[in-house]
PDB file of N, CA and C in Angstrom:
ATOM      1  N   MET A   1       0.875  95.959   3.140  1.00  0.00           N
ATOM      2  CA  MET A   1       1.104  94.485   2.899  1.00  0.00           C
ATOM      3  C   MET A   1       1.341  93.831   4.214  1.00  0.00           C
ATOM      4  N   LYS A   2       0.507  92.825   4.455  1.00  0.00           N
ATOM      5  CA  LYS A   2       0.510  92.158   5.763  1.00  0.00           C
ATOM      6  C   LYS A   2       1.778  91.347   6.011  1.00  0.00           C
ATOM      7  N   GLY A   3       2.319  90.668   5.064  1.00  0.00           N
ATOM      8  CA  GLY A   3       3.543  89.814   5.191  1.00  0.00           C
ATOM      9  C   GLY A   3       4.761  90.529   4.939  1.00  0.00           C
ATOM     10  N   ASP A   4       4.760  91.974   4.806  1.00  0.00           N
ATOM     11  CA  ASP A   4       6.054  92.586   4.561  1.00  0.00           C
ATOM     12  C   ASP A   4       6.744  92.974   5.857  1.00  0.00           C
ATOM     13  N   TYR A   5       7.751  92.197   6.157  1.00  0.00           N
ATOM     14  CA  TYR A   5       8.513  92.429   7.411  1.00  0.00           C
ATOM     15  C   TYR A   5       9.644  93.438   7.323  1.00  0.00           C
ATOM     16  N   CYS A   6       9.765  94.048   6.151  1.00  0.00           N
ATOM     17  CA  CYS A   6      10.798  95.044   6.039  1.00  0.00           C
ATOM     18  C   CYS A   6      10.324  96.437   6.513  1.00  0.00           C
ATOM     19  N   THR A   7       9.003  96.658   6.572  1.00  0.00           N
ATOM     20  CA  THR A   7       8.560  97.870   7.043  1.00  0.00           C
ATOM     21  C   THR A   7       8.648  97.972   8.665  1.00  0.00           C
ATOM     22  N   ARG A   8       8.608  99.124   9.136  1.00  0.00           N
ATOM     23  CA  ARG A   8       8.731  99.218  10.640  1.00  0.00           C
ATOM     24  C   ARG A   8       7.638  98.369  11.338  1.00  0.00           C
ATOM     25  N   GLU A   9       6.401  98.566  10.887  1.00  0.00           N
ATOM     26  CA  GLU A   9       5.259  97.812  11.446  1.00  0.00           C
ATOM     27  C   GLU A   9       5.512  96.361  11.278  1.00  0.00           C
ATOM     28  N   GLY A  10       5.823  95.866  10.102  1.00  0.00           N
ATOM     29  CA  GLY A  10       6.055  94.430   9.924  1.00  0.00           C
ATOM     30  C   GLY A  10       7.233  93.914  10.850  1.00  0.00           C
ATOM     31  N   ALA A  11       8.268  94.669  10.907  1.00  0.00           N
ATOM     32  CA  ALA A  11       9.331  94.270  11.733  1.00  0.00           C
ATOM     33  C   ALA A  11       9.008  94.160  13.243  1.00  0.00           C
ATOM     34  N   GLU A  12       8.160  95.098  13.668  1.00  0.00           N
ATOM     35  CA  GLU A  12       7.722  95.044  15.087  1.00  0.00           C
ATOM     36  C   GLU A  12       6.829  93.759  15.225  1.00  0.00           C
ATOM     37  N   ARG A  13       5.968  93.474  14.246  1.00  0.00           N
ATOM     38  CA  ARG A  13       5.210  92.156  14.429  1.00  0.00           C
ATOM     39  C   ARG A  13       6.077  90.909  14.444  1.00  0.00           C
ATOM     40  N   LEU A  14       7.088  90.910  13.638  1.00  0.00           N
ATOM     41  CA  LEU A  14       8.052  89.810  13.661  1.00  0.00           C
ATOM     42  C   LEU A  14       8.795  89.746  14.864  1.00  0.00           C
ATOM     43  N   LYS A  15       9.200  90.764  15.484  1.00  0.00           N
ATOM     44  CA  LYS A  15       9.915  90.843  16.713  1.00  0.00           C
ATOM     45  C   LYS A  15       8.998  90.247  17.832  1.00  0.00           C
ATOM     46  N   GLU A  16       7.809  90.618  17.907  1.00  0.00           N
ATOM     47  CA  GLU A  16       6.835  90.105  18.913  1.00  0.00           C
ATOM     48  C   GLU A  16       6.684  88.630  18.692  1.00  0.00           C
ATOM     49  N   GLN A  17       6.560  88.133  17.411  1.00  0.00           N
ATOM     50  CA  GLN A  17       6.284  86.741  17.200  1.00  0.00           C
ATOM     51  C   GLN A  17       7.498  85.889  17.596  1.00  0.00           C
ATOM     52  N   ILE A  18       8.733  86.422  17.326  1.00  0.00           N
ATOM     53  CA  ILE A  18       9.885  85.642  17.745  1.00  0.00           C
ATOM     54  C   ILE A  18       9.989  85.555  19.186  1.00  0.00           C
ATOM     55  N   GLU A  19       9.868  86.702  19.915  1.00  0.00           N
ATOM     56  CA  GLU A  19       9.911  86.750  21.361  1.00  0.00           C
ATOM     57  C   GLU A  19       8.873  85.809  22.006  1.00  0.00           C
ATOM     58  N   ALA A  20       7.744  85.873  21.438  1.00  0.00           N
ATOM     59  CA  ALA A  20       6.539  85.109  22.038  1.00  0.00           C
ATOM     60  C   ALA A  20       6.837  83.654  21.859  1.00  0.00           C
ATOM     61  N   TYR A  21       7.243  83.241  20.651  1.00  0.00           N
ATOM     62  CA  TYR A  21       7.567  81.898  20.322  1.00  0.00           C
ATOM     63  C   TYR A  21       8.588  81.267  21.318  1.00  0.00           C
ATOM     64  N   TRP A  22       9.628  81.959  21.562  1.00  0.00           N
ATOM     65  CA  TRP A  22      10.741  81.391  22.462  1.00  0.00           C
ATOM     66  C   TRP A  22      10.333  81.529  23.874  1.00  0.00           C
ATOM     67  N   ALA A  23       9.519  82.577  24.309  1.00  0.00           N
ATOM     68  CA  ALA A  23       9.024  82.577  25.697  1.00  0.00           C
ATOM     69  C   ALA A  23       8.156  81.465  25.954  1.00  0.00           C
ATOM     70  N   ASP A  24       7.285  81.070  25.033  1.00  0.00           N
ATOM     71  CA  ASP A  24       6.485  79.838  25.257  1.00  0.00           C
ATOM     72  C   ASP A  24       7.270  78.616  25.432  1.00  0.00           C
ATOM     73  N   ARG A  25       8.502  78.598  25.064  1.00  0.00           N
ATOM     74  CA  ARG A  25       9.389  77.410  25.223  1.00  0.00           C
ATOM     75  C   ARG A  25      10.376  77.582  26.377  1.00  0.00           C
ATOM     76  N   GLY A  26      10.146  78.644  27.105  1.00  0.00           N
ATOM     77  CA  GLY A  26      11.011  78.842  28.328  1.00  0.00           C
ATOM     78  C   GLY A  26      12.344  79.445  28.078  1.00  0.00           C
ATOM     79  N   GLN A  27      12.467  79.975  26.839  1.00  0.00           N
ATOM     80  CA  GLN A  27      13.680  80.636  26.508  1.00  0.00           C
ATOM     81  C   GLN A  27      13.480  82.195  26.327  1.00  0.00           C
ATOM     82  N   THR A  28      14.576  82.919  26.577  1.00  0.00           N
ATOM     83  CA  THR A  28      14.485  84.320  26.420  1.00  0.00           C
ATOM     84  C   THR A  28      15.506  84.758  25.263  1.00  0.00           C
ATOM     85  N   VAL A  29      15.008  85.640  24.389  1.00  0.00           N
ATOM     86  CA  VAL A  29      15.802  86.126  23.333  1.00  0.00           C
ATOM     87  C   VAL A  29      15.721  87.632  23.340  1.00  0.00           C
ATOM     88  N   THR A  30      16.668  88.320  22.808  1.00  0.00           N
ATOM     89  CA  THR A  30      16.701  89.744  22.698  1.00  0.00           C
ATOM     90  C   THR A  30      16.615  89.990  21.195  1.00  0.00           C
ATOM     91  N   VAL A  31      15.548  90.796  20.804  1.00  0.00           N
ATOM     92  CA  VAL A  31      15.383  91.073  19.396  1.00  0.00           C
ATOM     93  C   VAL A  31      15.370  92.556  19.213  1.00  0.00           C
ATOM     94  N   ASN A  32      16.283  93.170  18.354  1.00  0.00           N
ATOM     95  CA  ASN A  32      16.457  94.521  18.198  1.00  0.00           C
ATOM     96  C   ASN A  32      15.966  94.910  16.789  1.00  0.00           C
ATOM     97  N   LEU A  33      15.361  96.134  16.610  1.00  0.00           N
ATOM     98  CA  LEU A  33      15.013  96.709  15.350  1.00  0.00           C
ATOM     99  C   LEU A  33      15.965  97.805  14.944  1.00  0.00           C
ATOM    100  N   ILE A  34      16.658  97.703  13.821  1.00  0.00           N
ATOM    101  CA  ILE A  34      17.580  98.619  13.346  1.00  0.00           C
ATOM    102  C   ILE A  34      17.091  99.251  12.116  1.00  0.00           C
ATOM    103  N   GLN A  35      16.899 100.562  12.162  1.00  0.00           N
ATOM    104  CA  GLN A  35      16.387 101.258  10.983  1.00  0.00           C
ATOM    105  C   GLN A  35      17.506 101.417   9.972  1.00  0.00           C
ATOM    106  N   GLY A  36      17.185 100.753   8.800  1.00  0.00           N
ATOM    107  CA  GLY A  36      18.139 100.814   7.700  1.00  0.00           C
ATOM    108  C   GLY A  36      17.920 101.979   6.767  1.00  0.00           C
ATOM    109  N   GLY A  37      18.793 102.260   5.818  1.00  0.00           N
ATOM    110  CA  GLY A  37      18.604 103.380   4.945  1.00  0.00           C
ATOM    111  C   GLY A  37      17.802 103.029   3.787  1.00  0.00           C
ATOM    112  N   PHE A  38      17.655 103.918   2.895  1.00  0.00           N
ATOM    113  CA  PHE A  38      16.776 103.741   1.631  1.00  0.00           C
ATOM    114  C   PHE A  38      17.566 102.788   0.675  1.00  0.00           C
ATOM    115  N   LEU A  39      16.811 101.826   0.170  1.00  0.00           N
ATOM    116  CA  LEU A  39      17.406 100.905  -0.868  1.00  0.00           C
ATOM    117  C   LEU A  39      16.630 101.168  -2.137  1.00  0.00           C
ATOM    118  N   ALA A  40      17.416 101.422  -3.188  1.00  0.00           N
ATOM    119  CA  ALA A  40      16.817 101.660  -4.499  1.00  0.00           C
ATOM    120  C   ALA A  40      16.084 100.448  -4.976  1.00  0.00           C
ATOM    121  N   SER A  41      16.602  99.299  -4.655  1.00  0.00           N
ATOM    122  CA  SER A  41      15.967  98.073  -5.232  1.00  0.00           C
ATOM    123  C   SER A  41      14.606  97.855  -4.587  1.00  0.00           C
ATOM    124  N   MET A  42      14.426  98.223  -3.393  1.00  0.00           N
ATOM    125  CA  MET A  42      13.132  98.195  -2.740  1.00  0.00           C
ATOM    126  C   MET A  42      12.217  99.443  -2.939  1.00  0.00           C
ATOM    127  N   ARG A  43      12.861 100.432  -3.328  1.00  0.00           N
ATOM    128  CA  ARG A  43      12.261 101.805  -3.457  1.00  0.00           C
ATOM    129  C   ARG A  43      11.627 102.207  -2.127  1.00  0.00           C
ATOM    130  N   SER A  44      12.320 101.893  -1.036  1.00  0.00           N
ATOM    131  CA  SER A  44      11.883 102.392   0.309  1.00  0.00           C
ATOM    132  C   SER A  44      13.025 102.077   1.300  1.00  0.00           C
ATOM    133  N   ALA A  45      12.771 102.615   2.507  1.00  0.00           N
ATOM    134  CA  ALA A  45      13.657 102.271   3.588  1.00  0.00           C
ATOM    135  C   ALA A  45      13.298 100.862   4.112  1.00  0.00           C
ATOM    136  N   ARG A  46      14.191 100.366   4.928  1.00  0.00           N
ATOM    137  CA  ARG A  46      13.884  99.070   5.572  1.00  0.00           C
ATOM    138  C   ARG A  46      14.170  99.093   7.005  1.00  0.00           C
ATOM    139  N   THR A  47      13.700  98.140   7.726  1.00  0.00           N
ATOM    140  CA  THR A  47      14.024  97.967   9.129  1.00  0.00           C
ATOM    141  C   THR A  47      14.508  96.502   9.249  1.00  0.00           C
ATOM    142  N   ASP A  48      15.775  96.400   9.808  1.00  0.00           N
ATOM    143  CA  ASP A  48      16.369  95.095  10.067  1.00  0.00           C
ATOM    144  C   ASP A  48      15.980  94.518  11.370  1.00  0.00           C
ATOM    145  N   VAL A  49      15.816  93.237  11.449  1.00  0.00           N
ATOM    146  CA  VAL A  49      15.513  92.499  12.629  1.00  0.00           C
ATOM    147  C   VAL A  49      16.742  91.701  13.074  1.00  0.00           C
ATOM    148  N   ARG A  50      17.266  92.004  14.242  1.00  0.00           N
ATOM    149  CA  ARG A  50      18.496  91.302  14.744  1.00  0.00           C
ATOM    150  C   ARG A  50      18.263  90.748  16.079  1.00  0.00           C
ATOM    151  N   SER A  51      18.844  89.668  16.368  1.00  0.00           N
ATOM    152  CA  SER A  51      18.720  89.076  17.656  1.00  0.00           C
ATOM    153  C   SER A  51      19.980  88.540  18.283  1.00  0.00           C
ATOM    154  N   ASN A  52      19.908  88.073  19.387  1.00  0.00           N
ATOM    155  CA  ASN A  52      21.164  87.567  20.110  1.00  0.00           C
ATOM    156  C   ASN A  52      21.257  85.971  19.891  1.00  0.00           C
ATOM    157  N   MET A  53      20.399  85.464  19.042  1.00  0.00           N
ATOM    158  CA  MET A  53      20.424  84.030  18.827  1.00  0.00           C
ATOM    159  C   MET A  53      21.598  83.670  17.882  1.00  0.00           C
ATOM    160  N   ILE A  54      21.970  82.370  18.007  1.00  0.00           N
ATOM    161  CA  ILE A  54      23.060  81.880  17.130  1.00  0.00           C
ATOM    162  C   ILE A  54      22.473  80.727  16.356  1.00  0.00           C
ATOM    163  N   ASN A  55      22.549  80.846  15.076  1.00  0.00           N
ATOM    164  CA  ASN A  55      22.002  79.907  14.158  1.00  0.00           C
ATOM    165  C   ASN A  55      20.449  79.625  14.398  1.00  0.00           C
ATOM    166  N   GLY A  56      19.765  80.630  14.753  1.00  0.00           N
ATOM    167  CA  GLY A  56      18.365  80.642  15.051  1.00  0.00           C
ATOM    168  C   GLY A  56      18.006  80.075  16.423  1.00  0.00           C
ATOM    169  N   VAL A  57      18.930  79.781  17.309  1.00  0.00           N
ATOM    170  CA  VAL A  57      18.798  79.202  18.630  1.00  0.00           C
ATOM    171  C   VAL A  57      19.121  80.129  19.712  1.00  0.00           C
ATOM    172  N   PRO A  58      18.288  80.288  20.771  1.00  0.00           N
ATOM    173  CA  PRO A  58      18.609  81.159  21.867  1.00  0.00           C
ATOM    174  C   PRO A  58      19.939  80.733  22.445  1.00  0.00           C
ATOM    175  N   THR A  59      20.617  81.787  23.069  1.00  0.00           N
ATOM    176  CA  THR A  59      21.968  81.460  23.724  1.00  0.00           C
ATOM    177  C   THR A  59      21.791  81.274  25.225  1.00  0.00           C
ATOM    178  N   LYS A  60      20.672  81.773  25.696  1.00  0.00           N
ATOM    179  CA  LYS A  60      20.401  81.654  27.249  1.00  0.00           C
ATOM    180  C   LYS A  60      18.939  81.170  27.503  1.00  0.00           C
ATOM    181  N   SER A  61      18.733  80.476  28.607  1.00  0.00           N
ATOM    182  CA  SER A  61      17.347  80.118  28.995  1.00  0.00           C
ATOM    183  C   SER A  61      16.956  80.928  30.185  1.00  0.00           C
ATOM    184  N   VAL A  62      15.641  80.985  30.344  1.00  0.00           N
ATOM    185  CA  VAL A  62      15.068  81.647  31.478  1.00  0.00           C
ATOM    186  C   VAL A  62      15.549  80.976  32.748  1.00  0.00           C
ATOM    187  N   GLU A  63      15.640  79.690  32.789  1.00  0.00           N
ATOM    188  CA  GLU A  63      15.993  78.913  34.017  1.00  0.00           C
ATOM    189  C   GLU A  63      17.346  79.440  34.524  1.00  0.00           C
ATOM    190  N   ASN A  64      18.331  79.824  33.688  1.00  0.00           N
ATOM    191  CA  ASN A  64      19.559  80.354  34.115  1.00  0.00           C
ATOM    192  C   ASN A  64      19.531  81.572  34.980  1.00  0.00           C
ATOM    193  N   PHE A  65      18.371  82.284  34.902  1.00  0.00           N
ATOM    194  CA  PHE A  65      18.277  83.578  35.609  1.00  0.00           C
ATOM    195  C   PHE A  65      17.439  83.419  36.901  1.00  0.00           C
ATOM    196  N   ALA A  66      16.841  82.251  37.100  1.00  0.00           N
ATOM    197  CA  ALA A  66      15.972  82.032  38.289  1.00  0.00           C
ATOM    198  C   ALA A  66      16.775  81.771  39.515  1.00  0.00           C
TER     199      ALA A  66
END
């Protein structure tokens, strides 16, 4: 399923999209993929996508590191 972001492959695509989106705007974000356990409701394992953003906004800009 192409839009399934709970699989490892989907989570990796989402990670790349988030990082690229903010890099295009001069921001740097850290996105981590955390392997979750099996969920009976999903009938599969899941991969969580976590970042260092607060309320969906990066906490640091690339300019701060130059």
